[in-house]
Amino acid sequence: MELTSKQRAQLRGLANSIDTILHIGKDGLGDNLIAQADAALEARELVKGKVLENSLLSAREGAEALAKATRAEVVQVIGTKFVLYRPSHNKEKKDKIVLVKPAKRT
């Protein structure tokens, strides 16, 4: 699933008010971090993370690697922080994020 620029803008706006819950440190992307990110994406759909100074990865590298491992989309990378999005598969989740529809091309 590829996000459009309008969808990215919508998700960036929603991400402003959420707290950073993922931290990539000197150990990089371990199994625990991937499992934590996967669970957070399933529960929240939109998560914010940070790459710490002692990490060997840049924020872009960390975000892309974590997105690939969790089948998510990188919404934004600014400085050491990043935002990931993945729609929840839980059909009973009440507060799902509804993305704007892409414009139809004629």
PDB file of N, CA and C in Angstrom:
ATOM      1  N   MET A   1       0.839  -1.178   0.000  1.00  0.00           N
ATOM      2  CA  MET A   1       0.000   0.000   0.000  1.00  0.00           C
ATOM      3  C   MET A   1       0.884   1.241   0.000  1.00  0.00           C
ATOM      4  N   GLU A   2       0.703   2.067  -0.975  1.00  0.00           N
ATOM      5  CA  GLU A   2       1.477   3.296  -1.089  1.00  0.00           C
ATOM      6  C   GLU A   2       0.598   4.472  -0.677  1.00  0.00           C
ATOM      7  N   LEU A   3       1.103   5.290   0.228  1.00  0.00           N
ATOM      8  CA  LEU A   3       0.344   6.448   0.699  1.00  0.00           C
ATOM      9  C   LEU A   3       0.480   7.615  -0.269  1.00  0.00           C
ATOM     10  N   THR A   4      -0.611   8.345  -0.463  1.00  0.00           N
ATOM     11  CA  THR A   4      -0.557   9.556  -1.287  1.00  0.00           C
ATOM     12  C   THR A   4      -0.056  10.707  -0.414  1.00  0.00           C
ATOM     13  N   SER A   5       0.277  11.827  -1.036  1.00  0.00           N
ATOM     14  CA  SER A   5       0.783  12.974  -0.274  1.00  0.00           C
ATOM     15  C   SER A   5      -0.291  13.530   0.657  1.00  0.00           C
ATOM     16  N   LYS A   6      -1.555  13.491   0.242  1.00  0.00           N
ATOM     17  CA  LYS A   6      -2.636  13.965   1.111  1.00  0.00           C
ATOM     18  C   LYS A   6      -2.812  13.043   2.313  1.00  0.00           C
ATOM     19  N   GLN A   7      -2.680  11.743   2.095  1.00  0.00           N
ATOM     20  CA  GLN A   7      -2.782  10.797   3.201  1.00  0.00           C
ATOM     21  C   GLN A   7      -1.617  10.975   4.172  1.00  0.00           C
ATOM     22  N   ARG A   8      -0.419  11.193   3.626  1.00  0.00           N
ATOM     23  CA  ARG A   8       0.751  11.446   4.483  1.00  0.00           C
ATOM     24  C   ARG A   8       0.545  12.701   5.318  1.00  0.00           C
ATOM     25  N   ALA A   9       0.016  13.753   4.683  1.00  0.00           N
ATOM     26  CA  ALA A   9      -0.232  15.008   5.403  1.00  0.00           C
ATOM     27  C   ALA A   9      -1.244  14.787   6.527  1.00  0.00           C
ATOM     28  N   GLN A  10      -2.280  14.011   6.258  1.00  0.00           N
ATOM     29  CA  GLN A  10      -3.290  13.703   7.269  1.00  0.00           C
ATOM     30  C   GLN A  10      -2.652  12.958   8.445  1.00  0.00           C
ATOM     31  N   LEU A  11      -1.828  11.958   8.137  1.00  0.00           N
ATOM     32  CA  LEU A  11      -1.184  11.168   9.190  1.00  0.00           C
ATOM     33  C   LEU A  11      -0.154  11.988   9.965  1.00  0.00           C
ATOM     34  N   ARG A  12       0.564  12.881   9.284  1.00  0.00           N
ATOM     35  CA  ARG A  12       1.516  13.762   9.980  1.00  0.00           C
ATOM     36  C   ARG A  12       0.793  14.635  11.001  1.00  0.00           C
ATOM     37  N   GLY A  13      -0.373  15.132  10.611  1.00  0.00           N
ATOM     38  CA  GLY A  13      -1.161  15.943  11.528  1.00  0.00           C
ATOM     39  C   GLY A  13      -1.612  15.142  12.748  1.00  0.00           C
ATOM     40  N   LEU A  14      -2.039  13.916  12.529  1.00  0.00           N
ATOM     41  CA  LEU A  14      -2.460  13.061  13.642  1.00  0.00           C
ATOM     42  C   LEU A  14      -1.275  12.699  14.541  1.00  0.00           C
ATOM     43  N   ALA A  15      -0.092  12.575  13.957  1.00  0.00           N
ATOM     44  CA  ALA A  15       1.092  12.158  14.712  1.00  0.00           C
ATOM     45  C   ALA A  15       1.619  13.258  15.629  1.00  0.00           C
ATOM     46  N   ASN A  16       1.240  14.511  15.364  1.00  0.00           N
ATOM     47  CA  ASN A  16       1.722  15.609  16.206  1.00  0.00           C
ATOM     48  C   ASN A  16       1.351  15.423  17.670  1.00  0.00           C
ATOM     49  N   SER A  17       0.210  14.839  17.932  1.00  0.00           N
ATOM     50  CA  SER A  17      -0.289  14.757  19.305  1.00  0.00           C
ATOM     51  C   SER A  17       0.053  13.445  20.017  1.00  0.00           C
ATOM     52  N   ILE A  18       0.751  12.528  19.357  1.00  0.00           N
ATOM     53  CA  ILE A  18       1.059  11.253  20.017  1.00  0.00           C
ATOM     54  C   ILE A  18       2.476  11.268  20.591  1.00  0.00           C
ATOM     55  N   ASP A  19       2.692  10.435  21.592  1.00  0.00           N
ATOM     56  CA  ASP A  19       3.994  10.349  22.254  1.00  0.00           C
ATOM     57  C   ASP A  19       4.900   9.361  21.531  1.00  0.00           C
ATOM     58  N   THR A  20       6.195   9.550  21.708  1.00  0.00           N
ATOM     59  CA  THR A  20       7.192   8.634  21.158  1.00  0.00           C
ATOM     60  C   THR A  20       7.224   7.375  22.026  1.00  0.00           C
ATOM     61  N   ILE A  21       6.982   6.214  21.397  1.00  0.00           N
ATOM     62  CA  ILE A  21       6.949   4.981  22.189  1.00  0.00           C
ATOM     63  C   ILE A  21       8.025   3.981  21.771  1.00  0.00           C
ATOM     64  N   LEU A  22       8.637   4.169  20.605  1.00  0.00           N
ATOM     65  CA  LEU A  22       9.680   3.258  20.145  1.00  0.00           C
ATOM     66  C   LEU A  22      11.030   3.960  20.196  1.00  0.00           C
ATOM     67  N   HIS A  23      12.051   3.258  20.693  1.00  0.00           N
ATOM     68  CA  HIS A  23      13.391   3.826  20.764  1.00  0.00           C
ATOM     69  C   HIS A  23      14.377   2.823  20.182  1.00  0.00           C
ATOM     70  N   ILE A  24      15.080   3.234  19.142  1.00  0.00           N
ATOM     71  CA  ILE A  24      16.117   2.389  18.542  1.00  0.00           C
ATOM     72  C   ILE A  24      17.446   2.839  19.123  1.00  0.00           C
ATOM     73  N   GLY A  25      18.112   1.942  19.828  1.00  0.00           N
ATOM     74  CA  GLY A  25      19.366   2.274  20.499  1.00  0.00           C
ATOM     75  C   GLY A  25      20.553   1.599  19.857  1.00  0.00           C
ATOM     76  N   LYS A  26      21.586   1.382  20.667  1.00  0.00           N
ATOM     77  CA  LYS A  26      22.838   0.827  20.141  1.00  0.00           C
ATOM     78  C   LYS A  26      22.688  -0.605  19.655  1.00  0.00           C
ATOM     79  N   ASP A  27      21.665  -1.315  20.137  1.00  0.00           N
ATOM     80  CA  ASP A  27      21.443  -2.693  19.702  1.00  0.00           C
ATOM     81  C   ASP A  27      20.765  -2.771  18.343  1.00  0.00           C
ATOM     82  N   GLY A  28      20.292  -1.643  17.840  1.00  0.00           N
ATOM     83  CA  GLY A  28      19.633  -1.636  16.533  1.00  0.00           C
ATOM     84  C   GLY A  28      18.245  -2.245  16.613  1.00  0.00           C
ATOM     85  N   LEU A  29      17.871  -2.957  15.564  1.00  0.00           N
ATOM     86  CA  LEU A  29      16.545  -3.563  15.500  1.00  0.00           C
ATOM     87  C   LEU A  29      16.611  -5.010  15.970  1.00  0.00           C
ATOM     88  N   GLY A  30      16.253  -5.219  17.218  1.00  0.00           N
ATOM     89  CA  GLY A  30      16.220  -6.570  17.752  1.00  0.00           C
ATOM     90  C   GLY A  30      14.824  -7.150  17.621  1.00  0.00           C
ATOM     91  N   ASP A  31      14.707  -8.428  17.932  1.00  0.00           N
ATOM     92  CA  ASP A  31      13.404  -9.100  17.863  1.00  0.00           C
ATOM     93  C   ASP A  31      12.388  -8.473  18.815  1.00  0.00           C
ATOM     94  N   ASN A  32      12.859  -8.040  20.001  1.00  0.00           N
ATOM     95  CA  ASN A  32      11.955  -7.419  20.969  1.00  0.00           C
ATOM     96  C   ASN A  32      11.378  -6.115  20.423  1.00  0.00           C
ATOM     97  N   LEU A  33      12.219  -5.297  19.818  1.00  0.00           N
ATOM     98  CA  LEU A  33      11.765  -4.016  19.280  1.00  0.00           C
ATOM     99  C   LEU A  33      10.774  -4.228  18.134  1.00  0.00           C
ATOM    100  N   ILE A  34      11.044  -5.192  17.282  1.00  0.00           N
ATOM    101  CA  ILE A  34      10.140  -5.478  16.159  1.00  0.00           C
ATOM    102  C   ILE A  34       8.798  -5.980  16.688  1.00  0.00           C
ATOM    103  N   ALA A  35       8.815  -6.853  17.702  1.00  0.00           N
ATOM    104  CA  ALA A  35       7.570  -7.354  18.292  1.00  0.00           C
ATOM    105  C   ALA A  35       6.798  -6.228  18.967  1.00  0.00           C
ATOM    106  N   GLN A  36       7.505  -5.333  19.657  1.00  0.00           N
ATOM    107  CA  GLN A  36       6.868  -4.191  20.313  1.00  0.00           C
ATOM    108  C   GLN A  36       6.239  -3.264  19.268  1.00  0.00           C
ATOM    109  N   ALA A  37       6.960  -2.991  18.195  1.00  0.00           N
ATOM    110  CA  ALA A  37       6.445  -2.127  17.135  1.00  0.00           C
ATOM    111  C   ALA A  37       5.236  -2.759  16.459  1.00  0.00           C
ATOM    112  N   ASP A  38       5.293  -4.059  16.226  1.00  0.00           N
ATOM    113  CA  ASP A  38       4.188  -4.769  15.587  1.00  0.00           C
ATOM    114  C   ASP A  38       2.927  -4.695  16.450  1.00  0.00           C
ATOM    115  N   ALA A  39       3.079  -4.919  17.743  1.00  0.00           N
ATOM    116  CA  ALA A  39       1.937  -4.856  18.656  1.00  0.00           C
ATOM    117  C   ALA A  39       1.388  -3.429  18.745  1.00  0.00           C
ATOM    118  N   ALA A  40       2.267  -2.446  18.784  1.00  0.00           N
ATOM    119  CA  ALA A  40       1.832  -1.048  18.868  1.00  0.00           C
ATOM    120  C   ALA A  40       1.104  -0.629  17.600  1.00  0.00           C
ATOM    121  N   LEU A  41       1.584  -1.053  16.443  1.00  0.00           N
ATOM    122  CA  LEU A  41       0.920  -0.723  15.179  1.00  0.00           C
ATOM    123  C   LEU A  41      -0.457  -1.374  15.104  1.00  0.00           C
ATOM    124  N   GLU A  42      -0.582  -2.590  15.601  1.00  0.00           N
ATOM    125  CA  GLU A  42      -1.879  -3.264  15.570  1.00  0.00           C
ATOM    126  C   GLU A  42      -2.872  -2.556  16.493  1.00  0.00           C
ATOM    127  N   ALA A  43      -2.391  -2.085  17.631  1.00  0.00           N
ATOM    128  CA  ALA A  43      -3.271  -1.432  18.592  1.00  0.00           C
ATOM    129  C   ALA A  43      -3.581   0.016  18.223  1.00  0.00           C
ATOM    130  N   ARG A  44      -2.584   0.747  17.698  1.00  0.00           N
ATOM    131  CA  ARG A  44      -2.738   2.191  17.485  1.00  0.00           C
ATOM    132  C   ARG A  44      -2.780   2.617  16.025  1.00  0.00           C
ATOM    133  N   GLU A  45      -2.231   1.828  15.132  1.00  0.00           N
ATOM    134  CA  GLU A  45      -2.114   2.104  13.701  1.00  0.00           C
ATOM    135  C   GLU A  45      -1.044   3.149  13.373  1.00  0.00           C
ATOM    136  N   LEU A  46      -0.823   4.099  14.240  1.00  0.00           N
ATOM    137  CA  LEU A  46       0.136   5.178  14.000  1.00  0.00           C
ATOM    138  C   LEU A  46       1.055   5.268  15.214  1.00  0.00           C
ATOM    139  N   VAL A  47       2.365   5.094  14.994  1.00  0.00           N
ATOM    140  CA  VAL A  47       3.313   5.146  16.106  1.00  0.00           C
ATOM    141  C   VAL A  47       4.471   6.068  15.760  1.00  0.00           C
ATOM    142  N   LYS A  48       5.024   6.667  16.813  1.00  0.00           N
ATOM    143  CA  LYS A  48       6.164   7.559  16.659  1.00  0.00           C
ATOM    144  C   LYS A  48       7.364   6.917  17.328  1.00  0.00           C
ATOM    145  N   GLY A  49       8.505   7.000  16.680  1.00  0.00           N
ATOM    146  CA  GLY A  49       9.720   6.421  17.225  1.00  0.00           C
ATOM    147  C   GLY A  49      10.870   7.390  17.157  1.00  0.00           C
ATOM    148  N   LYS A  50      11.954   7.029  17.834  1.00  0.00           N
ATOM    149  CA  LYS A  50      13.142   7.874  17.866  1.00  0.00           C
ATOM    150  C   LYS A  50      14.377   6.991  17.774  1.00  0.00           C
ATOM    151  N   VAL A  51      15.363   7.465  17.040  1.00  0.00           N
ATOM    152  CA  VAL A  51      16.655   6.788  16.972  1.00  0.00           C
ATOM    153  C   VAL A  51      17.591   7.521  17.922  1.00  0.00           C
ATOM    154  N   LEU A  52      18.103   6.824  18.927  1.00  0.00           N
ATOM    155  CA  LEU A  52      18.965   7.446  19.922  1.00  0.00           C
ATOM    156  C   LEU A  52      20.348   7.736  19.338  1.00  0.00           C
ATOM    157  N   GLU A  53      21.065   8.632  19.990  1.00  0.00           N
ATOM    158  CA  GLU A  53      22.380   9.063  19.490  1.00  0.00           C
ATOM    159  C   GLU A  53      23.389   7.933  19.427  1.00  0.00           C
ATOM    160  N   ASN A  54      23.276   6.945  20.324  1.00  0.00           N
ATOM    161  CA  ASN A  54      24.252   5.862  20.347  1.00  0.00           C
ATOM    162  C   ASN A  54      23.936   4.752  19.344  1.00  0.00           C
ATOM    163  N   SER A  55      22.907   4.940  18.515  1.00  0.00           N
ATOM    164  CA  SER A  55      22.553   3.938  17.516  1.00  0.00           C
ATOM    165  C   SER A  55      23.479   4.042  16.308  1.00  0.00           C
ATOM    166  N   LEU A  56      23.708   2.909  15.669  1.00  0.00           N
ATOM    167  CA  LEU A  56      24.526   2.883  14.464  1.00  0.00           C
ATOM    168  C   LEU A  56      23.712   3.225  13.221  1.00  0.00           C
ATOM    169  N   LEU A  57      22.379   3.293  13.353  1.00  0.00           N
ATOM    170  CA  LEU A  57      21.494   3.579  12.228  1.00  0.00           C
ATOM    171  C   LEU A  57      21.094   5.051  12.212  1.00  0.00           C
ATOM    172  N   SER A  58      20.877   5.576  11.026  1.00  0.00           N
ATOM    173  CA  SER A  58      20.291   6.912  10.919  1.00  0.00           C
ATOM    174  C   SER A  58      18.783   6.773  11.130  1.00  0.00           C
ATOM    175  N   ALA A  59      18.104   7.876  11.312  1.00  0.00           N
ATOM    176  CA  ALA A  59      16.652   7.827  11.521  1.00  0.00           C
ATOM    177  C   ALA A  59      15.963   7.237  10.293  1.00  0.00           C
ATOM    178  N   ARG A  60      16.397   7.619   9.103  1.00  0.00           N
ATOM    179  CA  ARG A  60      15.785   7.107   7.866  1.00  0.00           C
ATOM    180  C   ARG A  60      16.007   5.604   7.749  1.00  0.00           C
ATOM    181  N   GLU A  61      17.248   5.140   7.996  1.00  0.00           N
ATOM    182  CA  GLU A  61      17.554   3.706   7.908  1.00  0.00           C
ATOM    183  C   GLU A  61      16.753   2.907   8.933  1.00  0.00           C
ATOM    184  N   GLY A  62      16.685   3.412  10.154  1.00  0.00           N
ATOM    185  CA  GLY A  62      15.944   2.725  11.205  1.00  0.00           C
ATOM    186  C   GLY A  62      14.457   2.647  10.895  1.00  0.00           C
ATOM    187  N   ALA A  63      13.891   3.761  10.419  1.00  0.00           N
ATOM    188  CA  ALA A  63      12.465   3.795  10.098  1.00  0.00           C
ATOM    189  C   ALA A  63      12.143   2.841   8.955  1.00  0.00           C
ATOM    190  N   GLU A  64      12.961   2.848   7.908  1.00  0.00           N
ATOM    191  CA  GLU A  64      12.695   1.978   6.754  1.00  0.00           C
ATOM    192  C   GLU A  64      12.866   0.503   7.110  1.00  0.00           C
ATOM    193  N   ALA A  65      13.870   0.188   7.915  1.00  0.00           N
ATOM    194  CA  ALA A  65      14.084  -1.206   8.313  1.00  0.00           C
ATOM    195  C   ALA A  65      12.943  -1.691   9.209  1.00  0.00           C
ATOM    196  N   LEU A  66      12.504  -0.854  10.127  1.00  0.00           N
ATOM    197  CA  LEU A  66      11.407  -1.230  11.018  1.00  0.00           C
ATOM    198  C   LEU A  66      10.095  -1.335  10.242  1.00  0.00           C
ATOM    199  N   ALA A  67       9.895  -0.443   9.281  1.00  0.00           N
ATOM    200  CA  ALA A  67       8.687  -0.501   8.454  1.00  0.00           C
ATOM    201  C   ALA A  67       8.655  -1.788   7.639  1.00  0.00           C
ATOM    202  N   LYS A  68       9.791  -2.169   7.095  1.00  0.00           N
ATOM    203  CA  LYS A  68       9.854  -3.406   6.308  1.00  0.00           C
ATOM    204  C   LYS A  68       9.589  -4.630   7.191  1.00  0.00           C
ATOM    205  N   ALA A  69      10.141  -4.618   8.402  1.00  0.00           N
ATOM    206  CA  ALA A  69       9.980  -5.761   9.310  1.00  0.00           C
ATOM    207  C   ALA A  69       8.545  -5.889   9.813  1.00  0.00           C
ATOM    208  N   THR A  70       7.817  -4.773   9.892  1.00  0.00           N
ATOM    209  CA  THR A  70       6.456  -4.801  10.422  1.00  0.00           C
ATOM    210  C   THR A  70       5.396  -4.598   9.343  1.00  0.00           C
ATOM    211  N   ARG A  71       5.793  -4.551   8.083  1.00  0.00           N
ATOM    212  CA  ARG A  71       4.887  -4.334   6.952  1.00  0.00           C
ATOM    213  C   ARG A  71       4.109  -3.027   7.096  1.00  0.00           C
ATOM    214  N   ALA A  72       4.807  -1.983   7.515  1.00  0.00           N
ATOM    215  CA  ALA A  72       4.191  -0.670   7.714  1.00  0.00           C
ATOM    216  C   ALA A  72       4.721   0.306   6.678  1.00  0.00           C
ATOM    217  N   GLU A  73       4.182   1.524   6.707  1.00  0.00           N
ATOM    218  CA  GLU A  73       4.619   2.597   5.817  1.00  0.00           C
ATOM    219  C   GLU A  73       5.313   3.674   6.642  1.00  0.00           C
ATOM    220  N   VAL A  74       6.421   4.199   6.126  1.00  0.00           N
ATOM    221  CA  VAL A  74       7.066   5.339   6.763  1.00  0.00           C
ATOM    222  C   VAL A  74       6.283   6.578   6.348  1.00  0.00           C
ATOM    223  N   VAL A  75       5.755   7.291   7.328  1.00  0.00           N
ATOM    224  CA  VAL A  75       4.981   8.499   7.055  1.00  0.00           C
ATOM    225  C   VAL A  75       5.905   9.698   6.992  1.00  0.00           C
ATOM    226  N   GLN A  76       6.836   9.780   7.946  1.00  0.00           N
ATOM    227  CA  GLN A  76       7.662  10.967   8.078  1.00  0.00           C
ATOM    228  C   GLN A  76       8.933  10.640   8.846  1.00  0.00           C
ATOM    229  N   VAL A  77      10.031  11.303   8.470  1.00  0.00           N
ATOM    230  CA  VAL A  77      11.274  11.244   9.228  1.00  0.00           C
ATOM    231  C   VAL A  77      11.775  12.677   9.370  1.00  0.00           C
ATOM    232  N   ILE A  78      11.904  13.132  10.617  1.00  0.00           N
ATOM    233  CA  ILE A  78      12.433  14.474  10.885  1.00  0.00           C
ATOM    234  C   ILE A  78      13.475  14.348  11.982  1.00  0.00           C
ATOM    235  N   GLY A  79      14.686  14.754  11.689  1.00  0.00           N
ATOM    236  CA  GLY A  79      15.762  14.673  12.678  1.00  0.00           C
ATOM    237  C   GLY A  79      15.978  13.239  13.111  1.00  0.00           C
ATOM    238  N   THR A  80      15.783  12.977  14.396  1.00  0.00           N
ATOM    239  CA  THR A  80      15.964  11.618  14.916  1.00  0.00           C
ATOM    240  C   THR A  80      14.633  10.907  15.111  1.00  0.00           C
ATOM    241  N   LYS A  81      13.521  11.575  14.798  1.00  0.00           N
ATOM    242  CA  LYS A  81      12.200  10.974  15.003  1.00  0.00           C
ATOM    243  C   LYS A  81      11.578  10.513  13.690  1.00  0.00           C
ATOM    244  N   PHE A  82      10.708   9.505  13.814  1.00  0.00           N
ATOM    245  CA  PHE A  82      10.015   8.981  12.643  1.00  0.00           C
ATOM    246  C   PHE A  82       8.617   8.545  13.034  1.00  0.00           C
ATOM    247  N   VAL A  83       7.748   8.445  12.018  1.00  0.00           N
ATOM    248  CA  VAL A  83       6.361   8.031  12.225  1.00  0.00           C
ATOM    249  C   VAL A  83       6.066   6.885  11.274  1.00  0.00           C
ATOM    250  N   LEU A  84       5.450   5.815  11.792  1.00  0.00           N
ATOM    251  CA  LEU A  84       5.057   4.660  10.989  1.00  0.00           C
ATOM    252  C   LEU A  84       3.545   4.488  11.048  1.00  0.00           C
ATOM    253  N   TYR A  85       2.977   3.979   9.947  1.00  0.00           N
ATOM    254  CA  TYR A  85       1.538   3.726   9.874  1.00  0.00           C
ATOM    255  C   TYR A  85       1.284   2.354   9.276  1.00  0.00           C
ATOM    256  N   ARG A  86       0.342   1.643   9.874  1.00  0.00           N
ATOM    257  CA  ARG A  86      -0.148   0.390   9.310  1.00  0.00           C
ATOM    258  C   ARG A  86      -1.599   0.225   9.744  1.00  0.00           C
ATOM    259  N   PRO A  87      -2.520   0.014   8.795  1.00  0.00           N
ATOM    260  CA  PRO A  87      -3.915  -0.171   9.193  1.00  0.00           C
ATOM    261  C   PRO A  87      -4.068  -1.422  10.059  1.00  0.00           C
ATOM    262  N   SER A  88      -4.921  -1.323  11.058  1.00  0.00           N
ATOM    263  CA  SER A  88      -5.166  -2.442  11.966  1.00  0.00           C
ATOM    264  C   SER A  88      -5.998  -3.513  11.262  1.00  0.00           C
ATOM    265  N   HIS A  89      -5.731  -4.764  11.591  1.00  0.00           N
ATOM    266  CA  HIS A  89      -6.502  -5.867  11.019  1.00  0.00           C
ATOM    267  C   HIS A  89      -7.673  -6.252  11.933  1.00  0.00           C
ATOM    268  N   ASN A  90      -7.757  -5.599  13.085  1.00  0.00           N
ATOM    269  CA  ASN A  90      -8.820  -5.880  14.047  1.00  0.00           C
ATOM    270  C   ASN A  90     -10.104  -5.198  13.590  1.00  0.00           C
ATOM    271  N   LYS A  91     -11.064  -5.978  13.147  1.00  0.00           N
ATOM    272  CA  LYS A  91     -12.307  -5.429  12.602  1.00  0.00           C
ATOM    273  C   LYS A  91     -13.165  -4.758  13.675  1.00  0.00           C
ATOM    274  N   GLU A  92     -12.977  -5.111  14.942  1.00  0.00           N
ATOM    275  CA  GLU A  92     -13.792  -4.559  16.014  1.00  0.00           C
ATOM    276  C   GLU A  92     -13.205  -3.294  16.623  1.00  0.00           C
ATOM    277  N   LYS A  93     -12.062  -2.844  16.115  1.00  0.00           N
ATOM    278  CA  LYS A  93     -11.440  -1.621  16.630  1.00  0.00           C
ATOM    279  C   LYS A  93     -12.334  -0.438  16.291  1.00  0.00           C
ATOM    280  N   LYS A  94     -12.717   0.335  17.308  1.00  0.00           N
ATOM    281  CA  LYS A  94     -13.687   1.409  17.107  1.00  0.00           C
ATOM    282  C   LYS A  94     -13.078   2.679  16.524  1.00  0.00           C
ATOM    283  N   ASP A  95     -11.861   3.012  16.910  1.00  0.00           N
ATOM    284  CA  ASP A  95     -11.279   4.286  16.494  1.00  0.00           C
ATOM    285  C   ASP A  95     -10.215   4.107  15.402  1.00  0.00           C
ATOM    286  N   LYS A  96     -10.605   3.403  14.350  1.00  0.00           N
ATOM    287  CA  LYS A  96      -9.697   3.218  13.220  1.00  0.00           C
ATOM    288  C   LYS A  96      -9.442   4.544  12.518  1.00  0.00           C
ATOM    289  N   ILE A  97      -8.255   4.704  11.984  1.00  0.00           N
ATOM    290  CA  ILE A  97      -7.926   5.901  11.217  1.00  0.00           C
ATOM    291  C   ILE A  97      -8.511   5.744   9.821  1.00  0.00           C
ATOM    292  N   VAL A  98      -9.324   6.696   9.409  1.00  0.00           N
ATOM    293  CA  VAL A  98      -9.924   6.672   8.077  1.00  0.00           C
ATOM    294  C   VAL A  98      -9.133   7.658   7.216  1.00  0.00           C
ATOM    295  N   LEU A  99      -8.421   7.112   6.241  1.00  0.00           N
ATOM    296  CA  LEU A  99      -7.602   7.947   5.361  1.00  0.00           C
ATOM    297  C   LEU A  99      -8.456   8.608   4.296  1.00  0.00           C
ATOM    298  N   VAL A 100      -7.992   9.790   3.864  1.00  0.00           N
ATOM    299  CA  VAL A 100      -8.686  10.448   2.758  1.00  0.00           C
ATOM    300  C   VAL A 100      -8.519   9.599   1.517  1.00  0.00           C
ATOM    301  N   LYS A 101      -9.527   9.598   0.681  1.00  0.00           N
ATOM    302  CA  LYS A 101      -9.494   8.792  -0.554  1.00  0.00           C
ATOM    303  C   LYS A 101      -8.610   9.483  -1.587  1.00  0.00           C
ATOM    304  N   PRO A 102      -7.799   8.708  -2.301  1.00  0.00           N
ATOM    305  CA  PRO A 102      -7.003   9.309  -3.381  1.00  0.00           C
ATOM    306  C   PRO A 102      -7.916   9.797  -4.500  1.00  0.00           C
ATOM    307  N   ALA A 103      -7.507  10.883  -5.116  1.00  0.00           N
ATOM    308  CA  ALA A 103      -8.293  11.444  -6.226  1.00  0.00           C
ATOM    309  C   ALA A 103      -8.252  10.488  -7.401  1.00  0.00           C
ATOM    310  N   LYS A 104      -9.385  10.365  -8.079  1.00  0.00           N
ATOM    311  CA  LYS A 104      -9.448   9.477  -9.245  1.00  0.00           C
ATOM    312  C   LYS A 104      -8.870  10.197 -10.452  1.00  0.00           C
ATOM    313  N   ARG A 105      -8.047   9.491 -11.168  1.00  0.00           N
ATOM    314  CA  ARG A 105      -7.452  10.067 -12.386  1.00  0.00           C
ATOM    315  C   ARG A 105      -8.347   9.778 -13.570  1.00  0.00           C
ATOM    316  N   THR A 106      -8.518  10.765 -14.408  1.00  0.00           N
ATOM    317  CA  THR A 106      -9.377  10.574 -15.582  1.00  0.00           C
ATOM    318  C   THR A 106      -8.576  10.580 -16.848  1.00  0.00           C
TER     319      THR A 106
END
